[in-house]
Amino acid sequence: MIIVTGASSGIGRQVALAAGRKNKQIILVSRRDPKVPGAEWIPADLTSCDEINLLCDKILDTFKNVSMLVHSAGVMRSCSSKSIDASYCLESYMVNVIAPLVITSRLTKALAKGHAKVVAISSIASMLDIPGEAIYSSTKSALDQGFNTLAADLTRLGISFLKIHPCMIDTPMTCGLSEDQKNYMHSQRSSKVQPSVEDLAEYIMTLYDSPNFISGSDILFGGIKR
């Protein structure tokens, strides 16, 4: 069984569609109905601790075996470093960091039974100094370190933890970036060809059959200049 968060738009929706082609049971998590044929939708607002816990309860009440968990839910709140908003920080850390860590932790037994692949959608933003993205970049850095620790603690149970750092990809979330921000991120991509969100989704699903020994790996999708 495959679980995808943030399934109503962007990377999450494309992953949901790609997962549907695997002919596996699929659980989609989002605030809005993603309307993916054959998938079960569980509505959840990942800015709420109560809803995160309720989501985990619903999954565990019905499913004892999870073979893949893809954390695609994310928010990006751009603002000047001179005017960082506390509410933006709280929202961003809840969705981008706390939700994936808590969901993964709560589902540990089911993930272990399924020898699951747990995929966190990070970003090259965690490695770059993008003007106006102190909140987003710091959440992705925190997510990276959180998943490093989960991998160190839980890989022994048969769970694989993988972090994907996409380059600049056109999605509803990134459409709000300024041209300067987009150009900077494009300039840091090492690949000559810009991958699409569909390319990323298809790649993520190839990880379903990946070996356990790659747990803890960072995948730079599109590459990054060193």
N, C-alpha and C. Protein backbone atom coordinates (compact mmCIF):
# COMPACT_ATOMS: atom_id res chain seq x y z
N MET A 1 0.84 -1.18 0.00
CA MET A 1 0.00 0.00 0.00
C MET A 1 0.88 1.25 0.00
N ILE A 2 0.52 2.20 -0.84
CA ILE A 2 1.30 3.42 -1.01
C ILE A 2 0.53 4.61 -0.45
N ILE A 3 1.20 5.43 0.35
CA ILE A 3 0.61 6.66 0.89
C ILE A 3 1.34 7.85 0.30
N VAL A 4 0.58 8.83 -0.18
CA VAL A 4 1.16 10.05 -0.73
C VAL A 4 0.50 11.24 -0.06
N THR A 5 1.30 12.11 0.55
CA THR A 5 0.75 13.34 1.13
C THR A 5 0.88 14.49 0.11
N GLY A 6 0.07 15.52 0.32
CA GLY A 6 0.09 16.65 -0.61
C GLY A 6 -0.36 16.25 -2.00
N ALA A 7 -1.35 15.36 -2.06
CA ALA A 7 -1.70 14.70 -3.33
C ALA A 7 -2.62 15.49 -4.24
N SER A 8 -3.06 16.67 -3.83
CA SER A 8 -4.04 17.39 -4.64
C SER A 8 -3.42 18.29 -5.70
N SER A 9 -2.11 18.55 -5.62
CA SER A 9 -1.50 19.42 -6.63
C SER A 9 0.01 19.20 -6.69
N GLY A 10 0.63 19.77 -7.71
CA GLY A 10 2.08 19.78 -7.81
C GLY A 10 2.71 18.40 -7.86
N ILE A 11 3.84 18.26 -7.16
CA ILE A 11 4.58 17.00 -7.15
C ILE A 11 3.71 15.88 -6.60
N GLY A 12 2.98 16.16 -5.52
CA GLY A 12 2.17 15.13 -4.89
C GLY A 12 1.12 14.55 -5.82
N ARG A 13 0.48 15.41 -6.60
CA ARG A 13 -0.55 14.91 -7.52
C ARG A 13 0.08 14.03 -8.61
N GLN A 14 1.20 14.45 -9.13
CA GLN A 14 1.85 13.65 -10.16
C GLN A 14 2.36 12.31 -9.60
N VAL A 15 2.82 12.32 -8.35
CA VAL A 15 3.22 11.07 -7.71
C VAL A 15 2.01 10.17 -7.53
N ALA A 16 0.87 10.75 -7.14
CA ALA A 16 -0.35 9.98 -6.97
C ALA A 16 -0.77 9.32 -8.29
N LEU A 17 -0.69 10.06 -9.38
CA LEU A 17 -1.05 9.50 -10.68
C LEU A 17 -0.07 8.39 -11.09
N ALA A 18 1.22 8.62 -10.82
CA ALA A 18 2.23 7.60 -11.16
C ALA A 18 2.04 6.35 -10.28
N ALA A 19 1.67 6.57 -9.02
CA ALA A 19 1.43 5.44 -8.12
C ALA A 19 0.23 4.62 -8.60
N GLY A 20 -0.76 5.32 -9.15
CA GLY A 20 -1.94 4.63 -9.66
C GLY A 20 -1.61 3.65 -10.77
N ARG A 21 -0.56 3.94 -11.50
CA ARG A 21 -0.14 3.04 -12.58
C ARG A 21 0.62 1.82 -12.07
N LYS A 22 0.90 1.80 -10.76
CA LYS A 22 1.56 0.65 -10.15
C LYS A 22 0.57 -0.45 -9.81
N ASN A 23 -0.72 -0.14 -9.94
CA ASN A 23 -1.78 -1.09 -9.59
C ASN A 23 -1.69 -1.54 -8.14
N LYS A 24 -1.32 -0.61 -7.26
CA LYS A 24 -1.26 -0.87 -5.83
C LYS A 24 -2.39 -0.11 -5.14
N GLN A 25 -2.71 -0.53 -3.92
CA GLN A 25 -3.67 0.23 -3.13
C GLN A 25 -3.03 1.55 -2.74
N ILE A 26 -3.77 2.65 -2.90
CA ILE A 26 -3.21 3.98 -2.70
C ILE A 26 -4.06 4.77 -1.72
N ILE A 27 -3.40 5.41 -0.77
CA ILE A 27 -4.04 6.36 0.15
C ILE A 27 -3.46 7.74 -0.15
N LEU A 28 -4.34 8.69 -0.44
CA LEU A 28 -3.92 10.05 -0.75
C LEU A 28 -4.34 10.98 0.38
N VAL A 29 -3.42 11.83 0.79
CA VAL A 29 -3.66 12.76 1.90
C VAL A 29 -3.52 14.17 1.39
N SER A 30 -4.56 14.97 1.61
CA SER A 30 -4.54 16.37 1.19
C SER A 30 -5.77 17.07 1.77
N ARG A 31 -5.78 18.39 1.69
CA ARG A 31 -6.96 19.13 2.16
C ARG A 31 -8.08 19.05 1.13
N ARG A 32 -7.73 19.08 -0.16
CA ARG A 32 -8.73 19.00 -1.23
C ARG A 32 -8.70 17.62 -1.86
N ASP A 33 -9.85 17.18 -2.34
CA ASP A 33 -9.95 15.87 -2.97
C ASP A 33 -9.13 15.84 -4.25
N PRO A 34 -8.10 14.98 -4.33
CA PRO A 34 -7.26 14.91 -5.54
C PRO A 34 -7.97 14.26 -6.72
N LYS A 35 -9.06 13.53 -6.44
CA LYS A 35 -9.86 12.89 -7.49
C LYS A 35 -9.02 12.03 -8.43
N VAL A 36 -8.28 11.13 -7.81
CA VAL A 36 -7.48 10.17 -8.57
C VAL A 36 -8.24 8.85 -8.59
N PRO A 37 -8.61 8.35 -9.76
CA PRO A 37 -9.41 7.12 -9.85
C PRO A 37 -8.73 5.94 -9.14
N GLY A 38 -9.52 5.22 -8.36
CA GLY A 38 -9.02 4.02 -7.70
C GLY A 38 -8.30 4.25 -6.40
N ALA A 39 -8.08 5.52 -6.03
CA ALA A 39 -7.37 5.83 -4.79
C ALA A 39 -8.35 6.21 -3.69
N GLU A 40 -7.95 5.97 -2.46
CA GLU A 40 -8.74 6.39 -1.31
C GLU A 40 -8.18 7.71 -0.79
N TRP A 41 -9.06 8.67 -0.54
CA TRP A 41 -8.64 9.99 -0.07
C TRP A 41 -8.95 10.15 1.41
N ILE A 42 -7.95 10.58 2.17
CA ILE A 42 -8.16 10.94 3.58
C ILE A 42 -7.86 12.42 3.72
N PRO A 43 -8.88 13.24 3.94
CA PRO A 43 -8.64 14.68 4.09
C PRO A 43 -7.90 14.98 5.39
N ALA A 44 -6.93 15.87 5.31
CA ALA A 44 -6.18 16.25 6.51
C ALA A 44 -5.50 17.60 6.28
N ASP A 45 -5.51 18.41 7.32
CA ASP A 45 -4.79 19.68 7.32
C ASP A 45 -3.53 19.47 8.15
N LEU A 46 -2.39 19.44 7.49
CA LEU A 46 -1.14 19.11 8.17
C LEU A 46 -0.56 20.26 8.97
N THR A 47 -1.28 21.38 9.06
CA THR A 47 -0.87 22.44 9.98
C THR A 47 -1.43 22.20 11.38
N SER A 48 -2.26 21.17 11.53
CA SER A 48 -2.94 20.89 12.79
C SER A 48 -2.38 19.61 13.42
N CYS A 49 -1.90 19.71 14.67
CA CYS A 49 -1.42 18.52 15.38
C CYS A 49 -2.53 17.49 15.53
N ASP A 50 -3.72 17.96 15.86
CA ASP A 50 -4.85 17.04 16.04
C ASP A 50 -5.15 16.28 14.76
N GLU A 51 -5.13 16.99 13.61
CA GLU A 51 -5.45 16.32 12.35
C GLU A 51 -4.33 15.36 11.92
N ILE A 52 -3.10 15.69 12.24
CA ILE A 52 -1.99 14.77 11.94
C ILE A 52 -2.18 13.48 12.73
N ASN A 53 -2.49 13.61 14.01
CA ASN A 53 -2.69 12.41 14.84
C ASN A 53 -3.92 11.63 14.40
N LEU A 54 -4.99 12.33 14.02
CA LEU A 54 -6.20 11.65 13.56
C LEU A 54 -5.92 10.90 12.25
N LEU A 55 -5.15 11.51 11.37
CA LEU A 55 -4.76 10.86 10.12
C LEU A 55 -4.03 9.55 10.40
N CYS A 56 -3.07 9.59 11.30
CA CYS A 56 -2.31 8.38 11.63
C CYS A 56 -3.22 7.32 12.24
N ASP A 57 -4.14 7.75 13.10
CA ASP A 57 -5.09 6.80 13.70
C ASP A 57 -5.93 6.11 12.63
N LYS A 58 -6.42 6.89 11.66
CA LYS A 58 -7.25 6.33 10.60
C LYS A 58 -6.47 5.30 9.78
N ILE A 59 -5.23 5.63 9.46
CA ILE A 59 -4.41 4.70 8.68
C ILE A 59 -4.16 3.41 9.46
N LEU A 60 -3.77 3.55 10.72
CA LEU A 60 -3.42 2.38 11.52
C LEU A 60 -4.63 1.52 11.88
N ASP A 61 -5.80 2.14 11.95
CA ASP A 61 -7.02 1.38 12.24
C ASP A 61 -7.39 0.44 11.09
N THR A 62 -6.94 0.78 9.88
CA THR A 62 -7.35 0.04 8.69
C THR A 62 -6.22 -0.76 8.06
N PHE A 63 -5.01 -0.23 8.11
CA PHE A 63 -3.89 -0.85 7.40
C PHE A 63 -2.76 -1.19 8.36
N LYS A 64 -2.23 -2.38 8.25
CA LYS A 64 -1.13 -2.82 9.10
C LYS A 64 0.18 -2.94 8.35
N ASN A 65 0.13 -2.69 7.04
CA ASN A 65 1.29 -2.91 6.20
C ASN A 65 1.38 -1.79 5.15
N VAL A 66 2.43 -1.00 5.20
CA VAL A 66 2.63 0.10 4.25
C VAL A 66 3.93 -0.15 3.50
N SER A 67 3.88 -0.15 2.17
CA SER A 67 5.07 -0.46 1.38
C SER A 67 5.80 0.78 0.86
N MET A 68 5.10 1.92 0.85
CA MET A 68 5.76 3.15 0.42
C MET A 68 5.02 4.35 1.00
N LEU A 69 5.79 5.34 1.46
CA LEU A 69 5.24 6.58 2.00
C LEU A 69 6.00 7.73 1.37
N VAL A 70 5.29 8.58 0.63
CA VAL A 70 5.92 9.71 -0.05
C VAL A 70 5.41 11.00 0.56
N HIS A 71 6.31 11.74 1.18
CA HIS A 71 5.97 13.02 1.82
C HIS A 71 6.13 14.14 0.78
N SER A 72 5.02 14.47 0.11
CA SER A 72 5.06 15.50 -0.93
C SER A 72 4.46 16.82 -0.46
N ALA A 73 3.71 16.80 0.63
CA ALA A 73 3.07 18.03 1.10
C ALA A 73 4.13 19.07 1.44
N GLY A 74 3.88 20.30 1.04
CA GLY A 74 4.84 21.35 1.35
C GLY A 74 4.24 22.73 1.11
N VAL A 75 4.78 23.70 1.82
CA VAL A 75 4.39 25.09 1.61
C VAL A 75 5.66 25.93 1.47
N MET A 76 5.56 27.00 0.70
CA MET A 76 6.68 27.92 0.51
C MET A 76 6.14 29.34 0.73
N ARG A 77 6.60 29.96 1.80
CA ARG A 77 6.17 31.32 2.12
C ARG A 77 7.36 32.26 1.97
N SER A 78 7.46 32.89 0.81
CA SER A 78 8.57 33.79 0.54
C SER A 78 8.35 35.12 1.27
N CYS A 79 9.41 35.63 1.86
CA CYS A 79 9.34 36.95 2.47
C CYS A 79 10.75 37.48 2.68
N SER A 80 10.86 38.78 2.77
CA SER A 80 12.16 39.41 2.98
C SER A 80 12.75 38.95 4.30
N SER A 81 14.06 38.82 4.33
CA SER A 81 14.73 38.46 5.57
C SER A 81 14.57 39.53 6.64
N LYS A 82 14.12 40.72 6.23
CA LYS A 82 13.89 41.81 7.18
C LYS A 82 12.48 41.77 7.77
N SER A 83 11.63 40.89 7.26
CA SER A 83 10.24 40.89 7.72
C SER A 83 9.69 39.46 7.78
N ILE A 84 10.40 38.56 8.45
CA ILE A 84 9.96 37.18 8.58
C ILE A 84 8.75 37.12 9.51
N ASP A 85 7.72 36.46 9.04
CA ASP A 85 6.44 36.40 9.75
C ASP A 85 6.37 35.12 10.58
N ALA A 86 6.03 35.25 11.86
CA ALA A 86 5.99 34.09 12.75
C ALA A 86 4.94 33.08 12.31
N SER A 87 3.79 33.56 11.82
CA SER A 87 2.74 32.63 11.41
C SER A 87 3.17 31.84 10.19
N TYR A 88 3.93 32.47 9.27
CA TYR A 88 4.47 31.74 8.13
C TYR A 88 5.45 30.65 8.60
N CYS A 89 6.26 30.98 9.61
CA CYS A 89 7.22 30.01 10.14
C CYS A 89 6.50 28.80 10.73
N LEU A 90 5.48 29.06 11.54
CA LEU A 90 4.76 27.97 12.18
C LEU A 90 4.09 27.07 11.15
N GLU A 91 3.43 27.68 10.17
CA GLU A 91 2.78 26.90 9.12
C GLU A 91 3.79 26.07 8.36
N SER A 92 4.90 26.68 7.98
CA SER A 92 5.90 26.00 7.17
C SER A 92 6.56 24.86 7.91
N TYR A 93 6.89 25.08 9.17
CA TYR A 93 7.53 24.00 9.93
C TYR A 93 6.56 22.86 10.22
N MET A 94 5.29 23.18 10.44
CA MET A 94 4.30 22.12 10.65
C MET A 94 4.20 21.22 9.43
N VAL A 95 4.01 21.82 8.24
CA VAL A 95 3.77 21.03 7.03
C VAL A 95 5.06 20.40 6.50
N ASN A 96 6.14 21.17 6.49
CA ASN A 96 7.37 20.72 5.84
C ASN A 96 8.26 19.83 6.72
N VAL A 97 8.11 19.95 8.04
CA VAL A 97 9.02 19.22 8.94
C VAL A 97 8.26 18.34 9.93
N ILE A 98 7.41 18.95 10.73
CA ILE A 98 6.78 18.21 11.83
C ILE A 98 5.86 17.11 11.31
N ALA A 99 5.02 17.43 10.33
CA ALA A 99 4.08 16.41 9.80
C ALA A 99 4.82 15.18 9.27
N PRO A 100 5.80 15.32 8.39
CA PRO A 100 6.47 14.10 7.89
C PRO A 100 7.19 13.31 8.97
N LEU A 101 7.79 14.01 9.94
CA LEU A 101 8.48 13.30 11.01
C LEU A 101 7.49 12.53 11.89
N VAL A 102 6.40 13.19 12.27
CA VAL A 102 5.42 12.55 13.15
C VAL A 102 4.71 11.41 12.45
N ILE A 103 4.28 11.62 11.21
CA ILE A 103 3.58 10.57 10.46
C ILE A 103 4.48 9.34 10.31
N THR A 104 5.72 9.57 9.94
CA THR A 104 6.65 8.44 9.78
C THR A 104 6.84 7.71 11.10
N SER A 105 7.03 8.46 12.17
CA SER A 105 7.23 7.86 13.48
C SER A 105 6.01 7.03 13.91
N ARG A 106 4.82 7.61 13.76
CA ARG A 106 3.60 6.93 14.18
C ARG A 106 3.36 5.65 13.37
N LEU A 107 3.79 5.63 12.12
CA LEU A 107 3.53 4.48 11.24
C LEU A 107 4.68 3.48 11.21
N THR A 108 5.61 3.60 12.12
CA THR A 108 6.83 2.79 12.07
C THR A 108 6.54 1.29 11.94
N LYS A 109 5.64 0.77 12.76
CA LYS A 109 5.38 -0.68 12.73
C LYS A 109 4.83 -1.12 11.37
N ALA A 110 3.90 -0.33 10.82
CA ALA A 110 3.32 -0.67 9.52
C ALA A 110 4.37 -0.56 8.41
N LEU A 111 5.24 0.43 8.53
CA LEU A 111 6.30 0.60 7.54
C LEU A 111 7.30 -0.55 7.62
N ALA A 112 7.59 -1.00 8.82
CA ALA A 112 8.53 -2.11 8.99
C ALA A 112 7.94 -3.41 8.41
N LYS A 113 6.66 -3.62 8.65
CA LYS A 113 6.02 -4.83 8.12
C LYS A 113 6.03 -4.84 6.60
N GLY A 114 5.94 -3.66 5.99
CA GLY A 114 5.92 -3.57 4.54
C GLY A 114 7.29 -3.39 3.92
N HIS A 115 8.37 -3.39 4.76
CA HIS A 115 9.73 -3.11 4.26
C HIS A 115 9.68 -1.87 3.37
N ALA A 116 9.11 -0.81 3.92
CA ALA A 116 8.71 0.36 3.13
C ALA A 116 9.88 1.23 2.68
N LYS A 117 9.61 1.93 1.58
CA LYS A 117 10.45 3.04 1.15
C LYS A 117 9.75 4.32 1.62
N VAL A 118 10.45 5.12 2.42
CA VAL A 118 9.91 6.40 2.88
C VAL A 118 10.68 7.49 2.16
N VAL A 119 9.97 8.24 1.33
CA VAL A 119 10.60 9.26 0.48
C VAL A 119 10.19 10.64 0.95
N ALA A 120 11.16 11.45 1.29
CA ALA A 120 10.90 12.84 1.68
C ALA A 120 11.30 13.76 0.53
N ILE A 121 10.35 14.58 0.09
CA ILE A 121 10.67 15.57 -0.95
C ILE A 121 11.30 16.77 -0.26
N SER A 122 12.61 16.84 -0.33
CA SER A 122 13.34 17.99 0.20
C SER A 122 13.49 19.00 -0.94
N SER A 123 14.63 19.63 -1.07
CA SER A 123 14.86 20.62 -2.13
C SER A 123 16.33 20.99 -2.14
N ILE A 124 16.81 21.42 -3.31
CA ILE A 124 18.16 21.97 -3.33
C ILE A 124 18.21 23.27 -2.52
N ALA A 125 17.03 23.80 -2.19
CA ALA A 125 16.98 25.01 -1.36
C ALA A 125 17.62 24.78 0.00
N SER A 126 17.65 23.52 0.45
CA SER A 126 18.29 23.23 1.74
C SER A 126 19.79 23.42 1.68
N MET A 127 20.34 23.51 0.45
CA MET A 127 21.78 23.62 0.27
C MET A 127 22.19 24.98 -0.31
N LEU A 128 21.18 25.81 -0.61
CA LEU A 128 21.45 27.10 -1.26
C LEU A 128 21.00 28.26 -0.39
N ASP A 129 21.58 29.42 -0.64
CA ASP A 129 21.17 30.65 0.05
C ASP A 129 20.33 31.48 -0.92
N ILE A 130 19.03 31.18 -0.94
CA ILE A 130 18.13 31.84 -1.89
C ILE A 130 17.53 33.08 -1.24
N PRO A 131 17.74 34.25 -1.81
CA PRO A 131 17.17 35.46 -1.21
C PRO A 131 15.66 35.34 -1.03
N GLY A 132 15.19 35.69 0.16
CA GLY A 132 13.76 35.66 0.44
C GLY A 132 13.22 34.30 0.86
N GLU A 133 14.08 33.29 0.99
CA GLU A 133 13.61 31.94 1.31
C GLU A 133 14.23 31.40 2.61
N ALA A 134 14.42 32.27 3.58
CA ALA A 134 14.99 31.81 4.86
C ALA A 134 14.09 30.77 5.51
N ILE A 135 12.77 30.96 5.42
CA ILE A 135 11.85 30.02 6.06
C ILE A 135 11.88 28.68 5.33
N TYR A 136 11.63 28.72 4.02
CA TYR A 136 11.56 27.48 3.25
C TYR A 136 12.86 26.69 3.31
N SER A 137 13.99 27.38 3.09
CA SER A 137 15.28 26.69 3.08
C SER A 137 15.57 26.06 4.43
N SER A 138 15.25 26.77 5.51
CA SER A 138 15.53 26.22 6.84
C SER A 138 14.63 25.04 7.16
N THR A 139 13.38 25.04 6.66
CA THR A 139 12.52 23.87 6.90
C THR A 139 13.07 22.65 6.18
N LYS A 140 13.56 22.84 4.98
CA LYS A 140 14.10 21.69 4.23
C LYS A 140 15.40 21.18 4.86
N SER A 141 16.20 22.08 5.41
CA SER A 141 17.39 21.63 6.13
C SER A 141 17.01 20.83 7.37
N ALA A 142 15.97 21.30 8.07
CA ALA A 142 15.50 20.58 9.26
C ALA A 142 14.94 19.22 8.88
N LEU A 143 14.19 19.17 7.79
CA LEU A 143 13.65 17.89 7.30
C LEU A 143 14.79 16.92 6.99
N ASP A 144 15.82 17.42 6.33
CA ASP A 144 16.97 16.57 5.98
C ASP A 144 17.58 15.94 7.23
N GLN A 145 17.83 16.75 8.24
CA GLN A 145 18.47 16.22 9.43
C GLN A 145 17.54 15.27 10.19
N GLY A 146 16.26 15.60 10.21
CA GLY A 146 15.31 14.69 10.84
C GLY A 146 15.30 13.33 10.19
N PHE A 147 15.33 13.31 8.86
CA PHE A 147 15.32 12.03 8.15
C PHE A 147 16.66 11.30 8.25
N ASN A 148 17.75 12.05 8.40
CA ASN A 148 19.03 11.39 8.66
C ASN A 148 18.96 10.59 9.96
N THR A 149 18.33 11.19 10.97
CA THR A 149 18.23 10.51 12.26
C THR A 149 17.26 9.33 12.19
N LEU A 150 16.13 9.50 11.50
CA LEU A 150 15.21 8.38 11.32
C LEU A 150 15.90 7.22 10.62
N ALA A 151 16.68 7.54 9.60
CA ALA A 151 17.40 6.49 8.87
C ALA A 151 18.38 5.77 9.79
N ALA A 152 19.08 6.53 10.61
CA ALA A 152 20.06 5.92 11.53
C ALA A 152 19.37 5.03 12.56
N ASP A 153 18.20 5.45 13.00
CA ASP A 153 17.49 4.71 14.05
C ASP A 153 16.67 3.53 13.53
N LEU A 154 16.07 3.67 12.35
CA LEU A 154 15.02 2.73 11.94
C LEU A 154 15.33 1.88 10.72
N THR A 155 16.43 2.14 10.02
CA THR A 155 16.76 1.31 8.85
C THR A 155 16.92 -0.15 9.25
N ARG A 156 17.38 -0.41 10.47
CA ARG A 156 17.55 -1.78 10.96
C ARG A 156 16.25 -2.57 10.97
N LEU A 157 15.10 -1.86 10.92
CA LEU A 157 13.80 -2.52 10.90
C LEU A 157 13.37 -2.91 9.50
N GLY A 158 14.19 -2.58 8.51
CA GLY A 158 13.85 -2.91 7.12
C GLY A 158 13.20 -1.77 6.37
N ILE A 159 13.19 -0.58 6.97
CA ILE A 159 12.62 0.60 6.32
C ILE A 159 13.74 1.36 5.62
N SER A 160 13.50 1.82 4.40
CA SER A 160 14.48 2.62 3.66
C SER A 160 14.04 4.08 3.65
N PHE A 161 14.96 4.96 3.96
CA PHE A 161 14.68 6.40 4.00
C PHE A 161 15.48 7.09 2.90
N LEU A 162 14.77 7.82 2.05
CA LEU A 162 15.40 8.48 0.91
C LEU A 162 14.95 9.94 0.85
N LYS A 163 15.91 10.82 0.66
CA LYS A 163 15.60 12.25 0.53
C LYS A 163 15.88 12.68 -0.91
N ILE A 164 14.89 13.30 -1.54
CA ILE A 164 15.07 13.79 -2.90
C ILE A 164 15.13 15.31 -2.87
N HIS A 165 16.16 15.85 -3.50
CA HIS A 165 16.36 17.29 -3.57
C HIS A 165 16.15 17.73 -5.02
N PRO A 166 14.92 18.07 -5.40
CA PRO A 166 14.70 18.49 -6.79
C PRO A 166 15.33 19.85 -7.06
N CYS A 167 15.76 20.03 -8.28
CA CYS A 167 16.17 21.36 -8.73
C CYS A 167 14.90 22.19 -8.92
N MET A 168 15.04 23.38 -9.48
CA MET A 168 13.89 24.23 -9.74
C MET A 168 12.97 23.54 -10.76
N ILE A 169 11.75 23.21 -10.32
CA ILE A 169 10.76 22.56 -11.17
C ILE A 169 9.48 23.39 -11.13
N ASP A 170 8.85 23.54 -12.27
CA ASP A 170 7.64 24.34 -12.35
C ASP A 170 6.46 23.60 -11.71
N THR A 171 5.94 24.16 -10.62
CA THR A 171 4.77 23.63 -9.93
C THR A 171 3.93 24.81 -9.46
N PRO A 172 2.70 24.56 -9.02
CA PRO A 172 1.91 25.67 -8.47
C PRO A 172 2.61 26.37 -7.31
N MET A 173 3.43 25.65 -6.54
CA MET A 173 4.11 26.26 -5.41
C MET A 173 5.23 27.20 -5.86
N THR A 174 5.98 26.81 -6.89
CA THR A 174 7.11 27.64 -7.31
C THR A 174 6.71 28.77 -8.25
N CYS A 175 5.46 28.76 -8.71
CA CYS A 175 5.05 29.82 -9.65
C CYS A 175 5.06 31.20 -8.98
N GLY A 176 5.02 31.24 -7.65
CA GLY A 176 5.04 32.51 -6.95
C GLY A 176 6.43 33.09 -6.73
N LEU A 177 7.46 32.35 -7.11
CA LEU A 177 8.82 32.86 -6.96
C LEU A 177 9.08 33.99 -7.95
N SER A 178 9.96 34.89 -7.57
CA SER A 178 10.33 35.97 -8.49
C SER A 178 11.21 35.41 -9.59
N GLU A 179 11.34 36.14 -10.67
CA GLU A 179 12.21 35.71 -11.77
C GLU A 179 13.66 35.60 -11.30
N ASP A 180 14.08 36.52 -10.42
CA ASP A 180 15.45 36.46 -9.90
C ASP A 180 15.67 35.18 -9.10
N GLN A 181 14.69 34.80 -8.29
CA GLN A 181 14.81 33.57 -7.51
C GLN A 181 14.87 32.35 -8.42
N LYS A 182 13.98 32.32 -9.42
CA LYS A 182 13.96 31.19 -10.35
C LYS A 182 15.28 31.10 -11.12
N ASN A 183 15.75 32.24 -11.60
CA ASN A 183 16.99 32.24 -12.39
C ASN A 183 18.17 31.77 -11.54
N TYR A 184 18.20 32.18 -10.28
CA TYR A 184 19.29 31.74 -9.40
C TYR A 184 19.26 30.22 -9.22
N MET A 185 18.07 29.68 -8.97
CA MET A 185 17.96 28.24 -8.78
C MET A 185 18.31 27.49 -10.06
N HIS A 186 17.86 28.00 -11.21
CA HIS A 186 18.22 27.37 -12.49
C HIS A 186 19.74 27.39 -12.69
N SER A 187 20.37 28.48 -12.27
CA SER A 187 21.82 28.62 -12.48
C SER A 187 22.61 27.61 -11.64
N GLN A 188 21.99 27.08 -10.58
CA GLN A 188 22.67 26.13 -9.71
C GLN A 188 22.46 24.67 -10.12
N ARG A 189 21.63 24.46 -11.15
CA ARG A 189 21.37 23.10 -11.62
C ARG A 189 22.54 22.63 -12.48
N SER A 190 23.05 21.43 -12.21
CA SER A 190 24.17 20.92 -13.00
C SER A 190 23.73 20.25 -14.29
N SER A 191 22.50 19.74 -14.32
CA SER A 191 21.99 19.12 -15.54
C SER A 191 21.66 20.18 -16.59
N LYS A 192 21.94 19.88 -17.85
CA LYS A 192 21.63 20.83 -18.92
C LYS A 192 20.13 20.89 -19.19
N VAL A 193 19.43 19.80 -18.91
CA VAL A 193 18.00 19.72 -19.19
C VAL A 193 17.21 19.89 -17.90
N GLN A 194 16.21 20.76 -17.94
CA GLN A 194 15.37 20.93 -16.77
C GLN A 194 14.31 19.83 -16.72
N PRO A 195 14.30 19.02 -15.66
CA PRO A 195 13.28 17.97 -15.57
C PRO A 195 11.91 18.56 -15.26
N SER A 196 10.88 17.82 -15.61
CA SER A 196 9.51 18.24 -15.34
C SER A 196 9.01 17.57 -14.06
N VAL A 197 7.88 18.02 -13.59
CA VAL A 197 7.29 17.40 -12.40
C VAL A 197 6.88 15.96 -12.70
N GLU A 198 6.49 15.70 -13.95
CA GLU A 198 6.16 14.32 -14.35
C GLU A 198 7.40 13.43 -14.32
N ASP A 199 8.55 13.98 -14.76
CA ASP A 199 9.80 13.22 -14.70
C ASP A 199 10.13 12.84 -13.26
N LEU A 200 9.95 13.80 -12.36
CA LEU A 200 10.25 13.55 -10.95
C LEU A 200 9.33 12.48 -10.37
N ALA A 201 8.04 12.58 -10.68
CA ALA A 201 7.07 11.60 -10.15
C ALA A 201 7.39 10.19 -10.63
N GLU A 202 7.70 10.05 -11.91
CA GLU A 202 8.03 8.73 -12.44
C GLU A 202 9.30 8.18 -11.79
N TYR A 203 10.27 9.06 -11.55
CA TYR A 203 11.50 8.61 -10.90
C TYR A 203 11.22 8.14 -9.48
N ILE A 204 10.40 8.89 -8.76
CA ILE A 204 10.08 8.50 -7.38
C ILE A 204 9.49 7.10 -7.34
N MET A 205 8.64 6.78 -8.29
CA MET A 205 8.01 5.46 -8.27
C MET A 205 9.01 4.34 -8.61
N THR A 206 10.12 4.66 -9.29
CA THR A 206 11.13 3.62 -9.52
C THR A 206 11.79 3.20 -8.22
N LEU A 207 11.70 4.06 -7.20
CA LEU A 207 12.32 3.75 -5.91
C LEU A 207 11.54 2.69 -5.14
N TYR A 208 10.34 2.39 -5.59
CA TYR A 208 9.50 1.39 -4.92
C TYR A 208 10.24 0.05 -4.80
N ASP A 209 11.00 -0.29 -5.83
CA ASP A 209 11.71 -1.57 -5.85
C ASP A 209 13.20 -1.43 -5.57
N SER A 210 13.60 -0.29 -5.01
CA SER A 210 15.03 -0.07 -4.74
C SER A 210 15.49 -0.90 -3.54
N PRO A 211 16.77 -1.28 -3.49
CA PRO A 211 17.28 -2.11 -2.39
C PRO A 211 17.38 -1.32 -1.09
N ASN A 212 17.28 -2.02 0.01
CA ASN A 212 17.30 -1.39 1.33
C ASN A 212 18.63 -0.72 1.64
N PHE A 213 19.72 -1.19 1.04
CA PHE A 213 21.03 -0.66 1.43
C PHE A 213 21.26 0.79 0.99
N ILE A 214 20.35 1.37 0.21
CA ILE A 214 20.51 2.79 -0.15
C ILE A 214 19.83 3.70 0.87
N SER A 215 19.30 3.15 1.95
CA SER A 215 18.64 3.96 2.97
C SER A 215 19.58 5.04 3.50
N GLY A 216 19.06 6.24 3.65
CA GLY A 216 19.84 7.38 4.11
C GLY A 216 20.42 8.21 2.99
N SER A 217 20.15 7.81 1.74
CA SER A 217 20.73 8.50 0.59
C SER A 217 20.04 9.83 0.30
N ASP A 218 20.82 10.76 -0.24
CA ASP A 218 20.32 12.02 -0.78
C ASP A 218 20.39 11.95 -2.29
N ILE A 219 19.28 12.23 -2.95
CA ILE A 219 19.23 12.18 -4.41
C ILE A 219 19.04 13.58 -4.93
N LEU A 220 20.03 14.08 -5.66
CA LEU A 220 19.97 15.44 -6.22
C LEU A 220 19.34 15.35 -7.59
N PHE A 221 18.04 15.55 -7.66
CA PHE A 221 17.31 15.36 -8.91
C PHE A 221 17.46 16.60 -9.78
N GLY A 222 18.23 16.44 -10.85
CA GLY A 222 18.61 17.58 -11.69
C GLY A 222 20.00 18.08 -11.39
N GLY A 223 20.55 17.59 -10.28
CA GLY A 223 21.93 17.94 -9.93
C GLY A 223 22.07 19.33 -9.34
N ILE A 224 23.23 19.56 -8.72
CA ILE A 224 23.53 20.88 -8.17
C ILE A 224 25.01 21.14 -8.38
N LYS A 225 25.33 22.35 -8.74
CA LYS A 225 26.72 22.70 -8.98
C LYS A 225 27.47 22.76 -7.67
N ARG A 226 28.70 22.26 -7.70
CA ARG A 226 29.56 22.24 -6.50
C ARG A 226 30.70 23.24 -6.64
